[in-house]
Amino acid sequence: MGKKSKKRTQKEFLVGIGFILPSLCGFIVFTFIPVLISLFLSFTKWNFMEGWSAIKFTGLTNYIRLFTDEWFLNSYKNNILFTAITVPILIALGMVMASVLNKYIWGGSIVRTMIFIPYIASVVAVCAVWMVLLQPNYGPVNQFLRMIGIKNPPGWLADFKWSLPSIMIIYIWQQVGYYSIVFLAGLKGVPEDVYEAARVDGASSIRQFFSITIPLISPTTFFLTIMGIIGSFKVFDQISVLTQGGPGSSSSVMAYYVYRTAFDYYEMGYANTLAWALFVLVFVVTLIQWKLQDRFAVE
């Protein structure tokens, strides 16, 4: 009996290995090995148009260069600013919109579909519409601002000071539907009798929101915060279509600068260094979030 049990255990082990082997091979070939190659290339100088023979090991030169690279420093700062502004606003707006949809909107499925459309729509199409809306001279937004007495409205995407805030507005508008839907799913799991007990005790709707809704959906909030932070550090499409990082480096972010360094300047070694600098930033922020999970999320 012992031998049969041992053979069955070995068979189950081999079957389990057989199930995970394709995925494991894919991970090693398409993720683990490229990560190691990227780490190696970050210590080199390489114009990939010249082939593998052009790789030259330069040690820490690329990493030292980071501290004197104005585009990198501006992109890093813009990325942190982008995250610090967009993620809290998305969390707050998503939570409020979900609460309103959950309690006060009749025909919620239609409204949910409408607010979710920008999230699944083509980024290029969305950006093209916003470029027309924010056109400095003839765009509807500035025309309206002039009508209400603002003589010199912002240049939006063409303005050094307003280019990054403009992209933030577009990004928030595009993402808030997703946040609302996820929060709405979290709200569906809150027992209705908790709200009934609060109403019996005389709690107002605002008090219920802050004392019941926010604490009970904190796991959802934590999830969206983590994903929002990671997503905000990967923002690329909007920058590429709308401003190409300009004017100057006013709207450049790390993901776009990595792309520009690799495929416009062909500095693949330095581009990998930039990618690792971005990884370190995302890793540190995510690690802090996980360390705070016990305080932030309620089981």
C-alpha atoms as a PDB file:
ATOM      1  CA  MET A   1       0.000   0.000   0.000  1.00  0.00           C
ATOM      2  CA  GLY A   2       2.886   2.322   0.808  1.00  0.00           C
ATOM      3  CA  LYS A   3       4.488   1.736  -2.615  1.00  0.00           C
ATOM      4  CA  LYS A   4       1.210   2.411  -4.427  1.00  0.00           C
ATOM      5  CA  SER A   5       0.720   5.624  -2.477  1.00  0.00           C
ATOM      6  CA  LYS A   6       4.286   6.702  -3.290  1.00  0.00           C
ATOM      7  CA  LYS A   7       3.828   5.954  -7.003  1.00  0.00           C
ATOM      8  CA  ARG A   8       0.538   7.849  -7.045  1.00  0.00           C
ATOM      9  CA  THR A   9       2.212  10.823  -5.368  1.00  0.00           C
ATOM     10  CA  GLN A  10       5.018  10.762  -7.931  1.00  0.00           C
ATOM     11  CA  LYS A  11       2.482  10.515 -10.759  1.00  0.00           C
ATOM     12  CA  GLU A  12       0.503  13.451  -9.409  1.00  0.00           C
ATOM     13  CA  PHE A  13       3.748  15.429  -9.088  1.00  0.00           C
ATOM     14  CA  LEU A  14       4.679  14.693 -12.715  1.00  0.00           C
ATOM     15  CA  VAL A  15       1.171  15.599 -13.879  1.00  0.00           C
ATOM     16  CA  GLY A  16       1.415  18.887 -11.978  1.00  0.00           C
ATOM     17  CA  ILE A  17       4.813  19.601 -13.535  1.00  0.00           C
ATOM     18  CA  GLY A  18       3.332  18.822 -16.947  1.00  0.00           C
ATOM     19  CA  PHE A  19       0.582  21.395 -16.420  1.00  0.00           C
ATOM     20  CA  ILE A  20       2.883  24.208 -15.318  1.00  0.00           C
ATOM     21  CA  LEU A  21       5.802  23.395 -17.641  1.00  0.00           C
ATOM     22  CA  PRO A  22       4.469  25.257 -20.731  1.00  0.00           C
ATOM     23  CA  SER A  23       3.741  28.360 -18.683  1.00  0.00           C
ATOM     24  CA  LEU A  24       7.088  28.089 -16.883  1.00  0.00           C
ATOM     25  CA  CYS A  25       8.954  27.760 -20.177  1.00  0.00           C
ATOM     26  CA  GLY A  26       7.099  30.769 -21.539  1.00  0.00           C
ATOM     27  CA  PHE A  27       7.991  32.778 -18.415  1.00  0.00           C
ATOM     28  CA  ILE A  28      11.673  31.838 -18.660  1.00  0.00           C
ATOM     29  CA  VAL A  29      11.954  32.528 -22.403  1.00  0.00           C
ATOM     30  CA  PHE A  30       9.791  35.650 -22.685  1.00  0.00           C
ATOM     31  CA  THR A  31      10.232  37.287 -19.254  1.00  0.00           C
ATOM     32  CA  PHE A  32      13.138  36.030 -17.132  1.00  0.00           C
ATOM     33  CA  ILE A  33      15.808  35.863 -19.844  1.00  0.00           C
ATOM     34  CA  PRO A  34      14.832  39.266 -21.368  1.00  0.00           C
ATOM     35  CA  VAL A  35      15.017  40.820 -17.881  1.00  0.00           C
ATOM     36  CA  LEU A  36      18.560  39.476 -17.428  1.00  0.00           C
ATOM     37  CA  ILE A  37      19.538  40.724 -20.894  1.00  0.00           C
ATOM     38  CA  SER A  38      18.054  44.128 -20.106  1.00  0.00           C
ATOM     39  CA  LEU A  39      20.043  44.308 -16.859  1.00  0.00           C
ATOM     40  CA  PHE A  40      23.243  43.452 -18.722  1.00  0.00           C
ATOM     41  CA  LEU A  41      22.555  45.991 -21.467  1.00  0.00           C
ATOM     42  CA  SER A  42      22.017  48.722 -18.867  1.00  0.00           C
ATOM     43  CA  PHE A  43      25.784  48.565 -18.233  1.00  0.00           C
ATOM     44  CA  THR A  44      26.646  48.941 -21.916  1.00  0.00           C
ATOM     45  CA  LYS A  45      26.682  51.410 -24.768  1.00  0.00           C
ATOM     46  CA  TRP A  46      24.922  49.963 -27.795  1.00  0.00           C
ATOM     47  CA  ASN A  47      23.434  51.285 -31.006  1.00  0.00           C
ATOM     48  CA  PHE A  48      21.305  48.281 -31.953  1.00  0.00           C
ATOM     49  CA  MET A  49      21.322  49.376 -35.608  1.00  0.00           C
ATOM     50  CA  GLU A  50      24.995  48.339 -35.719  1.00  0.00           C
ATOM     51  CA  GLY A  51      24.363  44.763 -34.546  1.00  0.00           C
ATOM     52  CA  TRP A  52      25.500  42.722 -31.563  1.00  0.00           C
ATOM     53  CA  SER A  53      29.174  43.399 -32.231  1.00  0.00           C
ATOM     54  CA  ALA A  54      28.672  47.082 -31.380  1.00  0.00           C
ATOM     55  CA  ILE A  55      27.935  46.363 -27.692  1.00  0.00           C
ATOM     56  CA  LYS A  56      30.537  48.015 -25.438  1.00  0.00           C
ATOM     57  CA  PHE A  57      30.607  47.455 -21.690  1.00  0.00           C
ATOM     58  CA  THR A  58      30.758  50.809 -19.877  1.00  0.00           C
ATOM     59  CA  GLY A  59      30.180  49.817 -16.239  1.00  0.00           C
ATOM     60  CA  LEU A  60      28.264  52.368 -14.193  1.00  0.00           C
ATOM     61  CA  THR A  61      28.610  55.155 -16.772  1.00  0.00           C
ATOM     62  CA  ASN A  62      24.929  55.026 -17.763  1.00  0.00           C
ATOM     63  CA  TYR A  63      23.758  55.125 -14.152  1.00  0.00           C
ATOM     64  CA  ILE A  64      26.041  58.072 -13.367  1.00  0.00           C
ATOM     65  CA  ARG A  65      24.682  59.832 -16.451  1.00  0.00           C
ATOM     66  CA  LEU A  66      21.168  59.712 -14.991  1.00  0.00           C
ATOM     67  CA  PHE A  67      21.994  62.375 -12.421  1.00  0.00           C
ATOM     68  CA  THR A  68      23.067  64.905 -15.064  1.00  0.00           C
ATOM     69  CA  ASP A  69      20.434  64.101 -17.695  1.00  0.00           C
ATOM     70  CA  GLU A  70      17.919  66.958 -17.673  1.00  0.00           C
ATOM     71  CA  TRP A  71      15.348  65.031 -19.719  1.00  0.00           C
ATOM     72  CA  PHE A  72      15.547  62.100 -17.289  1.00  0.00           C
ATOM     73  CA  LEU A  73      15.208  64.332 -14.221  1.00  0.00           C
ATOM     74  CA  ASN A  74      12.237  66.186 -15.741  1.00  0.00           C
ATOM     75  CA  SER A  75      10.605  62.933 -16.851  1.00  0.00           C
ATOM     76  CA  TYR A  76      11.106  61.419 -13.401  1.00  0.00           C
ATOM     77  CA  LYS A  77       9.635  64.491 -11.714  1.00  0.00           C
ATOM     78  CA  ASN A  78       6.716  64.616 -14.161  1.00  0.00           C
ATOM     79  CA  ASN A  79       5.980  60.934 -13.546  1.00  0.00           C
ATOM     80  CA  ILE A  80       5.885  61.375  -9.776  1.00  0.00           C
ATOM     81  CA  LEU A  81       3.697  64.477 -10.149  1.00  0.00           C
ATOM     82  CA  PHE A  82       1.419  62.661 -12.603  1.00  0.00           C
ATOM     83  CA  THR A  83       0.956  59.765 -10.170  1.00  0.00           C
ATOM     84  CA  ALA A  84       0.539  61.960  -7.085  1.00  0.00           C
ATOM     85  CA  ILE A  85      -2.296  63.914  -8.731  1.00  0.00           C
ATOM     86  CA  THR A  86      -4.142  61.443 -10.952  1.00  0.00           C
ATOM     87  CA  VAL A  87      -4.351  58.427  -8.621  1.00  0.00           C
ATOM     88  CA  PRO A  88      -5.971  60.216  -5.606  1.00  0.00           C
ATOM     89  CA  ILE A  89      -8.384  62.050  -7.914  1.00  0.00           C
ATOM     90  CA  LEU A  90      -9.339  58.806  -9.673  1.00  0.00           C
ATOM     91  CA  ILE A  91      -9.865  57.029  -6.341  1.00  0.00           C
ATOM     92  CA  ALA A  92     -12.029  59.866  -4.998  1.00  0.00           C
ATOM     93  CA  LEU A  93     -14.068  60.372  -8.187  1.00  0.00           C
ATOM     94  CA  GLY A  94     -14.478  56.633  -8.753  1.00  0.00           C
ATOM     95  CA  MET A  95     -15.712  56.085  -5.201  1.00  0.00           C
ATOM     96  CA  VAL A  96     -18.190  58.961  -5.330  1.00  0.00           C
ATOM     97  CA  MET A  97     -19.514  58.019  -8.772  1.00  0.00           C
ATOM     98  CA  ALA A  98     -19.911  54.376  -7.727  1.00  0.00           C
ATOM     99  CA  SER A  99     -21.833  55.390  -4.606  1.00  0.00           C
ATOM    100  CA  VAL A 100     -24.149  57.604  -6.634  1.00  0.00           C
ATOM    101  CA  LEU A 101     -24.696  54.864  -9.228  1.00  0.00           C
ATOM    102  CA  ASN A 102     -25.350  52.313  -6.515  1.00  0.00           C
ATOM    103  CA  LYS A 103     -27.992  54.325  -4.652  1.00  0.00           C
ATOM    104  CA  TYR A 104     -29.485  57.081  -6.743  1.00  0.00           C
ATOM    105  CA  ILE A 105     -29.275  56.283 -10.466  1.00  0.00           C
ATOM    106  CA  TRP A 106     -32.207  54.529 -12.137  1.00  0.00           C
ATOM    107  CA  GLY A 107     -31.229  52.365 -15.110  1.00  0.00           C
ATOM    108  CA  GLY A 108     -27.703  51.902 -13.792  1.00  0.00           C
ATOM    109  CA  SER A 109     -26.627  49.396 -16.446  1.00  0.00           C
ATOM    110  CA  ILE A 110     -26.978  51.983 -19.230  1.00  0.00           C
ATOM    111  CA  VAL A 111     -25.092  54.611 -17.233  1.00  0.00           C
ATOM    112  CA  ARG A 112     -22.365  52.103 -16.355  1.00  0.00           C
ATOM    113  CA  THR A 113     -21.917  51.300 -20.015  1.00  0.00           C
ATOM    114  CA  MET A 114     -21.706  54.986 -20.936  1.00  0.00           C
ATOM    115  CA  ILE A 115     -19.058  55.862 -18.349  1.00  0.00           C
ATOM    116  CA  PHE A 116     -17.042  52.742 -19.218  1.00  0.00           C
ATOM    117  CA  ILE A 117     -16.852  53.497 -22.958  1.00  0.00           C
ATOM    118  CA  PRO A 118     -13.909  55.966 -22.707  1.00  0.00           C
ATOM    119  CA  TYR A 119     -11.838  53.298 -20.945  1.00  0.00           C
ATOM    120  CA  ILE A 120     -12.255  50.739 -23.733  1.00  0.00           C
ATOM    121  CA  ALA A 121     -12.195  53.243 -26.600  1.00  0.00           C
ATOM    122  CA  SER A 122      -9.140  53.626 -28.814  1.00  0.00           C
ATOM    123  CA  VAL A 123      -6.585  55.897 -27.141  1.00  0.00           C
ATOM    124  CA  VAL A 124      -5.708  57.456 -30.498  1.00  0.00           C
ATOM    125  CA  ALA A 125      -9.358  58.268 -31.213  1.00  0.00           C
ATOM    126  CA  VAL A 126      -9.868  59.712 -27.727  1.00  0.00           C
ATOM    127  CA  CYS A 127      -6.727  61.836 -28.038  1.00  0.00           C
ATOM    128  CA  ALA A 128      -7.755  63.086 -31.476  1.00  0.00           C
ATOM    129  CA  VAL A 129     -11.075  64.313 -30.058  1.00  0.00           C
ATOM    130  CA  TRP A 130      -9.358  66.029 -27.140  1.00  0.00           C
ATOM    131  CA  MET A 131      -6.834  67.682 -29.452  1.00  0.00           C
ATOM    132  CA  VAL A 132      -9.748  69.330 -31.259  1.00  0.00           C
ATOM    133  CA  LEU A 133     -11.461  70.300 -27.991  1.00  0.00           C
ATOM    134  CA  LEU A 134      -8.286  71.851 -26.564  1.00  0.00           C
ATOM    135  CA  GLN A 135      -7.098  73.586 -29.727  1.00  0.00           C
ATOM    136  CA  PRO A 136      -5.831  76.957 -28.415  1.00  0.00           C
ATOM    137  CA  ASN A 137      -7.381  79.276 -31.034  1.00  0.00           C
ATOM    138  CA  TYR A 138     -10.545  77.599 -32.294  1.00  0.00           C
ATOM    139  CA  GLY A 139     -11.213  74.778 -29.822  1.00  0.00           C
ATOM    140  CA  PRO A 140     -14.634  74.693 -28.102  1.00  0.00           C
ATOM    141  CA  VAL A 141     -13.066  74.798 -24.629  1.00  0.00           C
ATOM    142  CA  ASN A 142     -11.190  78.053 -25.194  1.00  0.00           C
ATOM    143  CA  GLN A 143     -14.105  79.529 -27.122  1.00  0.00           C
ATOM    144  CA  PHE A 144     -16.287  78.919 -24.083  1.00  0.00           C
ATOM    145  CA  LEU A 145     -13.684  80.401 -21.729  1.00  0.00           C
ATOM    146  CA  ARG A 146     -13.538  83.545 -23.856  1.00  0.00           C
ATOM    147  CA  MET A 147     -17.330  83.781 -23.791  1.00  0.00           C
ATOM    148  CA  ILE A 148     -17.329  83.894 -19.981  1.00  0.00           C
ATOM    149  CA  GLY A 149     -14.705  86.628 -19.885  1.00  0.00           C
ATOM    150  CA  ILE A 150     -11.331  84.870 -19.819  1.00  0.00           C
ATOM    151  CA  LYS A 151      -9.379  86.813 -22.440  1.00  0.00           C
ATOM    152  CA  ASN A 152      -6.212  84.704 -22.445  1.00  0.00           C
ATOM    153  CA  PRO A 153      -7.186  81.069 -21.869  1.00  0.00           C
ATOM    154  CA  PRO A 154      -4.448  78.441 -21.540  1.00  0.00           C
ATOM    155  CA  GLY A 155      -2.718  77.004 -24.579  1.00  0.00           C
ATOM    156  CA  TRP A 156      -3.346  73.548 -23.095  1.00  0.00           C
ATOM    157  CA  LEU A 157      -1.300  70.947 -24.983  1.00  0.00           C
ATOM    158  CA  ALA A 158       0.848  73.600 -26.664  1.00  0.00           C
ATOM    159  CA  ASP A 159       1.581  75.444 -23.420  1.00  0.00           C
ATOM    160  CA  PHE A 160       4.713  74.673 -21.389  1.00  0.00           C
ATOM    161  CA  LYS A 161       2.833  75.019 -18.076  1.00  0.00           C
ATOM    162  CA  TRP A 162      -0.432  73.395 -19.129  1.00  0.00           C
ATOM    163  CA  SER A 163       0.687  70.449 -21.288  1.00  0.00           C
ATOM    164  CA  LEU A 164       1.090  67.985 -18.396  1.00  0.00           C
ATOM    165  CA  PRO A 165      -2.095  69.102 -16.563  1.00  0.00           C
ATOM    166  CA  SER A 166      -3.983  68.739 -19.871  1.00  0.00           C
ATOM    167  CA  ILE A 167      -2.812  65.145 -20.217  1.00  0.00           C
ATOM    168  CA  MET A 168      -3.776  64.504 -16.601  1.00  0.00           C
ATOM    169  CA  ILE A 169      -7.313  65.738 -17.324  1.00  0.00           C
ATOM    170  CA  ILE A 170      -7.599  63.478 -20.367  1.00  0.00           C
ATOM    171  CA  TYR A 171      -6.164  60.504 -18.474  1.00  0.00           C
ATOM    172  CA  ILE A 172      -8.555  60.973 -15.543  1.00  0.00           C
ATOM    173  CA  TRP A 173     -11.543  61.312 -17.886  1.00  0.00           C
ATOM    174  CA  GLN A 174     -10.548  58.128 -19.678  1.00  0.00           C
ATOM    175  CA  GLN A 175      -9.828  56.023 -16.568  1.00  0.00           C
ATOM    176  CA  VAL A 176     -12.538  57.115 -14.133  1.00  0.00           C
ATOM    177  CA  GLY A 177     -15.144  54.780 -15.656  1.00  0.00           C
ATOM    178  CA  TYR A 178     -13.007  51.741 -14.825  1.00  0.00           C
ATOM    179  CA  TYR A 179     -12.498  52.901 -11.244  1.00  0.00           C
ATOM    180  CA  SER A 180     -16.229  53.503 -10.853  1.00  0.00           C
ATOM    181  CA  ILE A 181     -17.157  50.034 -12.107  1.00  0.00           C
ATOM    182  CA  VAL A 182     -14.659  48.295  -9.820  1.00  0.00           C
ATOM    183  CA  PHE A 183     -15.810  50.349  -6.829  1.00  0.00           C
ATOM    184  CA  LEU A 184     -19.404  49.553  -7.737  1.00  0.00           C
ATOM    185  CA  ALA A 185     -18.589  45.841  -7.627  1.00  0.00           C
ATOM    186  CA  GLY A 186     -17.082  46.379  -4.179  1.00  0.00           C
ATOM    187  CA  LEU A 187     -20.183  48.250  -3.002  1.00  0.00           C
ATOM    188  CA  LYS A 188     -22.407  45.348  -4.045  1.00  0.00           C
ATOM    189  CA  GLY A 189     -20.658  43.264  -1.421  1.00  0.00           C
ATOM    190  CA  VAL A 190     -21.532  45.634   1.445  1.00  0.00           C
ATOM    191  CA  PRO A 191     -24.543  44.237   3.381  1.00  0.00           C
ATOM    192  CA  GLU A 192     -27.613  46.456   3.140  1.00  0.00           C
ATOM    193  CA  ASP A 193     -28.558  45.764   6.761  1.00  0.00           C
ATOM    194  CA  VAL A 194     -25.460  47.728   7.848  1.00  0.00           C
ATOM    195  CA  TYR A 195     -26.886  50.832   6.180  1.00  0.00           C
ATOM    196  CA  GLU A 196     -30.345  50.130   7.619  1.00  0.00           C
ATOM    197  CA  ALA A 197     -28.899  49.944  11.122  1.00  0.00           C
ATOM    198  CA  ALA A 198     -27.058  53.217  10.530  1.00  0.00           C
ATOM    199  CA  ARG A 199     -30.253  54.910   9.323  1.00  0.00           C
ATOM    200  CA  VAL A 200     -32.097  53.684  12.411  1.00  0.00           C
ATOM    201  CA  ASP A 201     -29.355  55.252  14.534  1.00  0.00           C
ATOM    202  CA  GLY A 202     -29.886  58.540  12.701  1.00  0.00           C
ATOM    203  CA  ALA A 203     -26.739  58.566  10.575  1.00  0.00           C
ATOM    204  CA  SER A 204     -26.937  60.857   7.557  1.00  0.00           C
ATOM    205  CA  SER A 205     -25.943  59.753   4.041  1.00  0.00           C
ATOM    206  CA  ILE A 206     -22.618  61.567   4.347  1.00  0.00           C
ATOM    207  CA  ARG A 207     -21.899  59.937   7.714  1.00  0.00           C
ATOM    208  CA  GLN A 208     -22.779  56.526   6.260  1.00  0.00           C
ATOM    209  CA  PHE A 209     -20.393  57.152   3.355  1.00  0.00           C
ATOM    210  CA  PHE A 210     -17.422  57.979   5.586  1.00  0.00           C
ATOM    211  CA  SER A 211     -18.171  55.561   8.442  1.00  0.00           C
ATOM    212  CA  ILE A 212     -19.458  52.543   6.518  1.00  0.00           C
ATOM    213  CA  THR A 213     -18.785  52.709   2.799  1.00  0.00           C
ATOM    214  CA  ILE A 214     -15.139  53.800   2.849  1.00  0.00           C
ATOM    215  CA  PRO A 215     -13.979  51.317   5.561  1.00  0.00           C
ATOM    216  CA  LEU A 216     -15.840  48.329   4.098  1.00  0.00           C
ATOM    217  CA  ILE A 217     -14.530  48.811   0.553  1.00  0.00           C
ATOM    218  CA  SER A 218     -10.955  49.516   1.651  1.00  0.00           C
ATOM    219  CA  PRO A 219      -9.654  46.258   0.063  1.00  0.00           C
ATOM    220  CA  THR A 220     -11.037  47.479  -3.276  1.00  0.00           C
ATOM    221  CA  THR A 221      -9.480  50.884  -2.658  1.00  0.00           C
ATOM    222  CA  PHE A 222      -6.143  49.252  -1.901  1.00  0.00           C
ATOM    223  CA  PHE A 223      -6.280  47.177  -5.089  1.00  0.00           C
ATOM    224  CA  LEU A 224      -7.138  50.191  -7.248  1.00  0.00           C
ATOM    225  CA  THR A 225      -4.440  52.287  -5.597  1.00  0.00           C
ATOM    226  CA  ILE A 226      -1.745  49.702  -6.344  1.00  0.00           C
ATOM    227  CA  MET A 227      -2.907  49.191  -9.932  1.00  0.00           C
ATOM    228  CA  GLY A 228      -3.398  52.929 -10.433  1.00  0.00           C
ATOM    229  CA  ILE A 229       0.134  53.736  -9.298  1.00  0.00           C
ATOM    230  CA  ILE A 230       1.661  51.081 -11.529  1.00  0.00           C
ATOM    231  CA  GLY A 231      -0.532  52.149 -14.465  1.00  0.00           C
ATOM    232  CA  SER A 232       0.323  55.831 -14.030  1.00  0.00           C
ATOM    233  CA  PHE A 233       4.036  55.057 -14.242  1.00  0.00           C
ATOM    234  CA  LYS A 234       3.423  53.251 -17.545  1.00  0.00           C
ATOM    235  CA  VAL A 235       1.474  56.059 -19.215  1.00  0.00           C
ATOM    236  CA  PHE A 236       2.733  56.338 -22.779  1.00  0.00           C
ATOM    237  CA  ASP A 237       0.011  56.417 -25.425  1.00  0.00           C
ATOM    238  CA  GLN A 238      -1.434  59.803 -24.474  1.00  0.00           C
ATOM    239  CA  ILE A 239       2.022  61.407 -24.354  1.00  0.00           C
ATOM    240  CA  SER A 240       3.059  59.922 -27.684  1.00  0.00           C
ATOM    241  CA  VAL A 241      -0.095  61.001 -29.516  1.00  0.00           C
ATOM    242  CA  LEU A 242      -0.710  64.395 -27.923  1.00  0.00           C
ATOM    243  CA  THR A 243       2.607  66.091 -27.155  1.00  0.00           C
ATOM    244  CA  GLN A 244       5.593  63.792 -27.834  1.00  0.00           C
ATOM    245  CA  GLY A 245       6.896  64.946 -24.465  1.00  0.00           C
ATOM    246  CA  GLY A 246       6.776  68.645 -25.356  1.00  0.00           C
ATOM    247  CA  PRO A 247       6.850  71.524 -25.381  1.00  0.00           C
ATOM    248  CA  GLY A 248      10.468  70.882 -24.416  1.00  0.00           C
ATOM    249  CA  SER A 249      10.360  68.197 -21.743  1.00  0.00           C
ATOM    250  CA  SER A 250       7.341  69.665 -19.958  1.00  0.00           C
ATOM    251  CA  SER A 251       5.126  66.604 -20.490  1.00  0.00           C
ATOM    252  CA  SER A 252       7.734  63.891 -20.877  1.00  0.00           C
ATOM    253  CA  VAL A 253       7.387  60.851 -18.606  1.00  0.00           C
ATOM    254  CA  MET A 254       9.664  57.886 -18.048  1.00  0.00           C
ATOM    255  CA  ALA A 255       7.974  55.374 -20.348  1.00  0.00           C
ATOM    256  CA  TYR A 256       8.023  57.833 -23.242  1.00  0.00           C
ATOM    257  CA  TYR A 257      11.625  58.853 -22.570  1.00  0.00           C
ATOM    258  CA  VAL A 258      12.693  55.185 -22.577  1.00  0.00           C
ATOM    259  CA  TYR A 259      11.002  54.737 -25.964  1.00  0.00           C
ATOM    260  CA  ARG A 260      12.511  57.942 -27.339  1.00  0.00           C
ATOM    261  CA  THR A 261      16.012  57.044 -26.194  1.00  0.00           C
ATOM    262  CA  ALA A 262      15.804  53.551 -27.689  1.00  0.00           C
ATOM    263  CA  PHE A 263      14.033  54.152 -30.984  1.00  0.00           C
ATOM    264  CA  ASP A 264      14.769  57.797 -31.808  1.00  0.00           C
ATOM    265  CA  TYR A 265      18.359  58.023 -30.565  1.00  0.00           C
ATOM    266  CA  TYR A 266      19.179  54.273 -30.830  1.00  0.00           C
ATOM    267  CA  GLU A 267      20.862  54.297 -27.398  1.00  0.00           C
ATOM    268  CA  MET A 268      19.646  50.884 -26.349  1.00  0.00           C
ATOM    269  CA  GLY A 269      22.065  50.565 -23.441  1.00  0.00           C
ATOM    270  CA  TYR A 270      21.012  53.850 -21.866  1.00  0.00           C
ATOM    271  CA  ALA A 271      17.331  53.085 -22.589  1.00  0.00           C
ATOM    272  CA  ASN A 272      17.657  49.919 -20.505  1.00  0.00           C
ATOM    273  CA  THR A 273      19.246  51.962 -17.725  1.00  0.00           C
ATOM    274  CA  LEU A 274      16.226  54.284 -17.811  1.00  0.00           C
ATOM    275  CA  ALA A 275      13.906  51.284 -17.715  1.00  0.00           C
ATOM    276  CA  TRP A 276      15.626  49.956 -14.589  1.00  0.00           C
ATOM    277  CA  ALA A 277      15.439  53.386 -12.961  1.00  0.00           C
ATOM    278  CA  LEU A 278      11.680  53.314 -13.623  1.00  0.00           C
ATOM    279  CA  PHE A 279      11.470  49.773 -12.233  1.00  0.00           C
ATOM    280  CA  VAL A 280      13.202  50.834  -9.006  1.00  0.00           C
ATOM    281  CA  LEU A 281      10.753  53.715  -8.553  1.00  0.00           C
ATOM    282  CA  VAL A 282       7.684  51.511  -9.150  1.00  0.00           C
ATOM    283  CA  PHE A 283       9.101  48.749  -6.949  1.00  0.00           C
ATOM    284  CA  VAL A 284       9.791  51.083  -4.018  1.00  0.00           C
ATOM    285  CA  VAL A 285       6.345  52.694  -4.221  1.00  0.00           C
ATOM    286  CA  THR A 286       4.624  49.301  -4.488  1.00  0.00           C
ATOM    287  CA  LEU A 287       6.662  47.915  -1.583  1.00  0.00           C
ATOM    288  CA  ILE A 288       5.617  50.838   0.599  1.00  0.00           C
ATOM    289  CA  GLN A 289       1.989  50.211  -0.368  1.00  0.00           C
ATOM    290  CA  TRP A 290       2.242  46.538   0.592  1.00  0.00           C
ATOM    291  CA  LYS A 291       3.878  47.404   3.899  1.00  0.00           C
ATOM    292  CA  LEU A 292       0.940  49.697   4.638  1.00  0.00           C
ATOM    293  CA  GLN A 293      -1.635  47.099   3.571  1.00  0.00           C
ATOM    294  CA  ASP A 294      -2.493  45.982   7.098  1.00  0.00           C
ATOM    295  CA  ARG A 295      -3.344  49.543   8.093  1.00  0.00           C
ATOM    296  CA  PHE A 296      -4.996  50.474   4.825  1.00  0.00           C
ATOM    297  CA  ALA A 297      -7.124  47.433   3.997  1.00  0.00           C
ATOM    298  CA  VAL A 298      -9.747  45.828   6.177  1.00  0.00           C
ATOM    299  CA  GLU A 299     -10.180  42.090   5.780  1.00  0.00           C
END
